[in-house]
Amino acid sequence: MLDFIKFDGYGIFIWSSYVSTFIVLSFLFIKTKNSLKSYENKYLNEFNFSTPLKVKINKKKRCTGGIISHTTSI
C-alpha cells in the first residue's frame, strides 16, 4: 500500500501536482461563481426584477397519464 503512495519515488511530484491542480480549479470555480452572481444581480437591478422565485417540486406525485401525441393537419 505504501508503494502505491510513493509511486516508485515520484510520489512527491505526483501528489504535489494533484494538490496544486485542486487549488487552482477551486480558485477558478469560486471566482466564476462570484462573477456570475454579480452579473445576475446587475441584470436583475437593471431590468427592475425582484429576486428569482424558487420553485418547489413535488417528487412524490407520479405521472399517471400516457403519452400525449400532437398531430397537425395541413
N, C-alpha and C. Protein backbone atom coordinates (compact mmCIF):
# COMPACT_ATOMS: atom_id res chain seq x y z
N MET A 1 0.82 -1.20 0.00
CA MET A 1 0.00 0.00 0.00
C MET A 1 0.86 1.26 0.00
N LEU A 2 1.94 1.23 0.75
CA LEU A 2 2.82 2.38 0.82
C LEU A 2 3.53 2.61 -0.51
N ASP A 3 3.76 1.53 -1.28
CA ASP A 3 4.38 1.67 -2.59
C ASP A 3 3.48 2.44 -3.55
N PHE A 4 2.19 2.26 -3.40
CA PHE A 4 1.24 2.99 -4.25
C PHE A 4 1.31 4.49 -3.97
N ILE A 5 1.45 4.86 -2.71
CA ILE A 5 1.52 6.28 -2.35
C ILE A 5 2.85 6.87 -2.79
N LYS A 6 3.92 6.09 -2.75
CA LYS A 6 5.25 6.59 -3.13
C LYS A 6 5.44 6.69 -4.63
N PHE A 7 4.72 5.88 -5.41
CA PHE A 7 4.84 5.84 -6.87
C PHE A 7 6.30 5.70 -7.31
N ASP A 8 6.97 4.73 -6.74
CA ASP A 8 8.38 4.42 -7.07
C ASP A 8 9.29 5.64 -6.97
N GLY A 9 9.08 6.48 -5.96
CA GLY A 9 9.94 7.63 -5.74
C GLY A 9 9.44 8.92 -6.39
N TYR A 10 8.40 8.82 -7.22
CA TYR A 10 7.87 10.01 -7.89
C TYR A 10 6.62 10.55 -7.20
N GLY A 11 6.29 10.01 -6.06
CA GLY A 11 5.08 10.39 -5.35
C GLY A 11 5.02 11.86 -4.99
N ILE A 12 6.14 12.44 -4.60
CA ILE A 12 6.15 13.86 -4.20
C ILE A 12 5.74 14.75 -5.38
N PHE A 13 6.16 14.38 -6.59
CA PHE A 13 5.81 15.17 -7.77
C PHE A 13 4.34 14.96 -8.17
N ILE A 14 3.89 13.73 -8.10
CA ILE A 14 2.52 13.40 -8.49
C ILE A 14 1.52 14.02 -7.52
N TRP A 15 1.74 13.82 -6.21
CA TRP A 15 0.79 14.34 -5.23
C TRP A 15 0.80 15.86 -5.17
N SER A 16 1.97 16.47 -5.36
CA SER A 16 2.01 17.94 -5.38
C SER A 16 1.29 18.49 -6.60
N SER A 17 1.35 17.79 -7.73
CA SER A 17 0.61 18.25 -8.91
C SER A 17 -0.89 18.10 -8.69
N TYR A 18 -1.33 17.03 -8.03
CA TYR A 18 -2.75 16.88 -7.70
C TYR A 18 -3.23 18.02 -6.79
N VAL A 19 -2.45 18.31 -5.78
CA VAL A 19 -2.83 19.36 -4.82
C VAL A 19 -2.88 20.72 -5.50
N SER A 20 -1.86 21.03 -6.30
CA SER A 20 -1.85 22.34 -6.97
C SER A 20 -2.99 22.45 -7.98
N THR A 21 -3.31 21.38 -8.69
CA THR A 21 -4.44 21.39 -9.62
C THR A 21 -5.74 21.61 -8.88
N PHE A 22 -5.91 20.95 -7.75
CA PHE A 22 -7.13 21.12 -6.96
C PHE A 22 -7.26 22.56 -6.47
N ILE A 23 -6.17 23.16 -6.03
CA ILE A 23 -6.21 24.55 -5.55
C ILE A 23 -6.56 25.51 -6.67
N VAL A 24 -5.95 25.33 -7.85
CA VAL A 24 -6.22 26.22 -8.98
C VAL A 24 -7.67 26.08 -9.44
N LEU A 25 -8.16 24.85 -9.57
CA LEU A 25 -9.53 24.65 -10.02
C LEU A 25 -10.54 25.17 -8.99
N SER A 26 -10.24 25.03 -7.72
CA SER A 26 -11.13 25.58 -6.69
C SER A 26 -11.18 27.10 -6.77
N PHE A 27 -10.02 27.73 -6.97
CA PHE A 27 -9.97 29.18 -7.11
C PHE A 27 -10.79 29.63 -8.32
N LEU A 28 -10.62 28.96 -9.45
CA LEU A 28 -11.37 29.33 -10.65
C LEU A 28 -12.87 29.12 -10.47
N PHE A 29 -13.26 28.06 -9.79
CA PHE A 29 -14.68 27.80 -9.54
C PHE A 29 -15.28 28.91 -8.68
N ILE A 30 -14.60 29.27 -7.60
CA ILE A 30 -15.13 30.30 -6.70
C ILE A 30 -15.18 31.65 -7.40
N LYS A 31 -14.16 31.98 -8.18
CA LYS A 31 -14.13 33.25 -8.90
C LYS A 31 -15.25 33.31 -9.93
N THR A 32 -15.46 32.23 -10.67
CA THR A 32 -16.54 32.19 -11.67
C THR A 32 -17.90 32.27 -11.02
N LYS A 33 -18.08 31.56 -9.92
CA LYS A 33 -19.36 31.58 -9.21
C LYS A 33 -19.68 32.99 -8.71
N ASN A 34 -18.70 33.68 -8.15
CA ASN A 34 -18.91 35.04 -7.65
C ASN A 34 -19.20 36.02 -8.78
N SER A 35 -18.49 35.89 -9.91
CA SER A 35 -18.74 36.81 -11.02
C SER A 35 -20.11 36.57 -11.64
N LEU A 36 -20.54 35.32 -11.74
CA LEU A 36 -21.88 35.05 -12.27
C LEU A 36 -22.96 35.59 -11.35
N LYS A 37 -22.75 35.49 -10.05
CA LYS A 37 -23.69 36.05 -9.09
C LYS A 37 -23.76 37.57 -9.23
N SER A 38 -22.60 38.19 -9.44
CA SER A 38 -22.55 39.63 -9.64
C SER A 38 -23.30 40.04 -10.91
N TYR A 39 -23.08 39.31 -12.01
CA TYR A 39 -23.78 39.60 -13.26
C TYR A 39 -25.29 39.41 -13.11
N GLU A 40 -25.69 38.40 -12.36
CA GLU A 40 -27.11 38.15 -12.13
C GLU A 40 -27.74 39.32 -11.37
N ASN A 41 -27.05 39.80 -10.35
CA ASN A 41 -27.57 40.94 -9.58
C ASN A 41 -27.65 42.20 -10.43
N LYS A 42 -26.64 42.44 -11.27
CA LYS A 42 -26.67 43.61 -12.16
C LYS A 42 -27.84 43.52 -13.13
N TYR A 43 -28.08 42.34 -13.67
CA TYR A 43 -29.18 42.14 -14.61
C TYR A 43 -30.52 42.36 -13.93
N LEU A 44 -30.69 41.81 -12.74
CA LEU A 44 -31.95 41.96 -12.03
C LEU A 44 -32.20 43.42 -11.66
N ASN A 45 -31.15 44.13 -11.28
CA ASN A 45 -31.31 45.54 -10.93
C ASN A 45 -31.57 46.42 -12.15
N GLU A 46 -30.96 46.08 -13.26
CA GLU A 46 -31.12 46.90 -14.47
C GLU A 46 -32.53 46.82 -15.02
N PHE A 47 -33.13 45.64 -14.98
CA PHE A 47 -34.46 45.45 -15.53
C PHE A 47 -35.55 45.42 -14.47
N ASN A 48 -35.21 45.87 -13.27
CA ASN A 48 -36.16 46.00 -12.16
C ASN A 48 -36.90 44.71 -11.83
N PHE A 49 -36.17 43.62 -11.84
CA PHE A 49 -36.75 42.34 -11.43
C PHE A 49 -36.49 42.15 -9.94
N SER A 50 -37.41 41.49 -9.31
CA SER A 50 -37.15 41.10 -7.92
C SER A 50 -36.31 39.82 -7.96
N THR A 51 -36.00 39.31 -6.82
CA THR A 51 -35.20 38.09 -6.78
C THR A 51 -35.98 36.96 -7.43
N PRO A 52 -35.29 36.04 -8.08
CA PRO A 52 -35.98 34.94 -8.75
C PRO A 52 -36.75 34.08 -7.76
N LEU A 53 -37.87 33.57 -8.21
CA LEU A 53 -38.70 32.71 -7.37
C LEU A 53 -38.11 31.32 -7.33
N LYS A 54 -38.22 30.69 -6.19
CA LYS A 54 -37.81 29.30 -6.05
C LYS A 54 -39.03 28.43 -6.30
N VAL A 55 -38.87 27.44 -7.15
CA VAL A 55 -39.96 26.55 -7.49
C VAL A 55 -39.81 25.28 -6.67
N LYS A 56 -40.89 24.91 -6.00
CA LYS A 56 -40.89 23.69 -5.19
C LYS A 56 -41.47 22.56 -6.03
N ILE A 57 -40.72 21.48 -6.13
CA ILE A 57 -41.14 20.35 -6.94
C ILE A 57 -41.62 19.24 -6.02
N ASN A 58 -42.79 18.73 -6.31
CA ASN A 58 -43.34 17.64 -5.54
C ASN A 58 -42.84 16.33 -6.15
N LYS A 59 -41.89 15.68 -5.50
CA LYS A 59 -41.29 14.47 -6.05
C LYS A 59 -42.17 13.23 -5.82
N LYS A 60 -43.13 13.33 -4.91
CA LYS A 60 -43.97 12.18 -4.61
C LYS A 60 -45.07 11.98 -5.64
N LYS A 61 -45.44 13.03 -6.36
CA LYS A 61 -46.51 12.93 -7.33
C LYS A 61 -46.01 12.21 -8.57
N ARG A 62 -46.77 11.22 -9.02
CA ARG A 62 -46.38 10.44 -10.19
C ARG A 62 -47.26 10.83 -11.37
N CYS A 63 -46.70 10.71 -12.52
CA CYS A 63 -47.44 10.96 -13.75
C CYS A 63 -48.26 9.72 -14.06
N THR A 64 -49.57 9.88 -14.13
CA THR A 64 -50.43 8.74 -14.37
C THR A 64 -50.95 8.70 -15.80
N GLY A 65 -50.74 9.76 -16.52
CA GLY A 65 -51.23 9.81 -17.89
C GLY A 65 -50.28 9.14 -18.85
N GLY A 66 -50.76 8.95 -20.06
CA GLY A 66 -49.93 8.36 -21.10
C GLY A 66 -49.22 9.42 -21.89
N ILE A 67 -48.72 9.05 -23.02
CA ILE A 67 -48.02 9.96 -23.90
C ILE A 67 -49.04 10.78 -24.65
N ILE A 68 -48.84 12.07 -24.69
CA ILE A 68 -49.74 12.96 -25.40
C ILE A 68 -49.13 13.17 -26.78
N SER A 69 -49.90 12.81 -27.79
CA SER A 69 -49.41 12.99 -29.15
C SER A 69 -49.98 14.26 -29.74
N HIS A 70 -49.23 14.88 -30.60
CA HIS A 70 -49.65 16.11 -31.23
C HIS A 70 -49.58 15.91 -32.74
N THR A 71 -50.70 15.97 -33.37
CA THR A 71 -50.72 15.81 -34.82
C THR A 71 -51.30 17.09 -35.42
N THR A 72 -50.76 17.46 -36.54
CA THR A 72 -51.27 18.63 -37.25
C THR A 72 -51.72 18.21 -38.63
N SER A 73 -52.79 18.79 -39.06
CA SER A 73 -53.26 18.51 -40.41
C SER A 73 -53.12 19.75 -41.25
N ILE A 74 -52.67 19.55 -42.44
CA ILE A 74 -52.43 20.69 -43.32
C ILE A 74 -53.55 20.81 -44.31
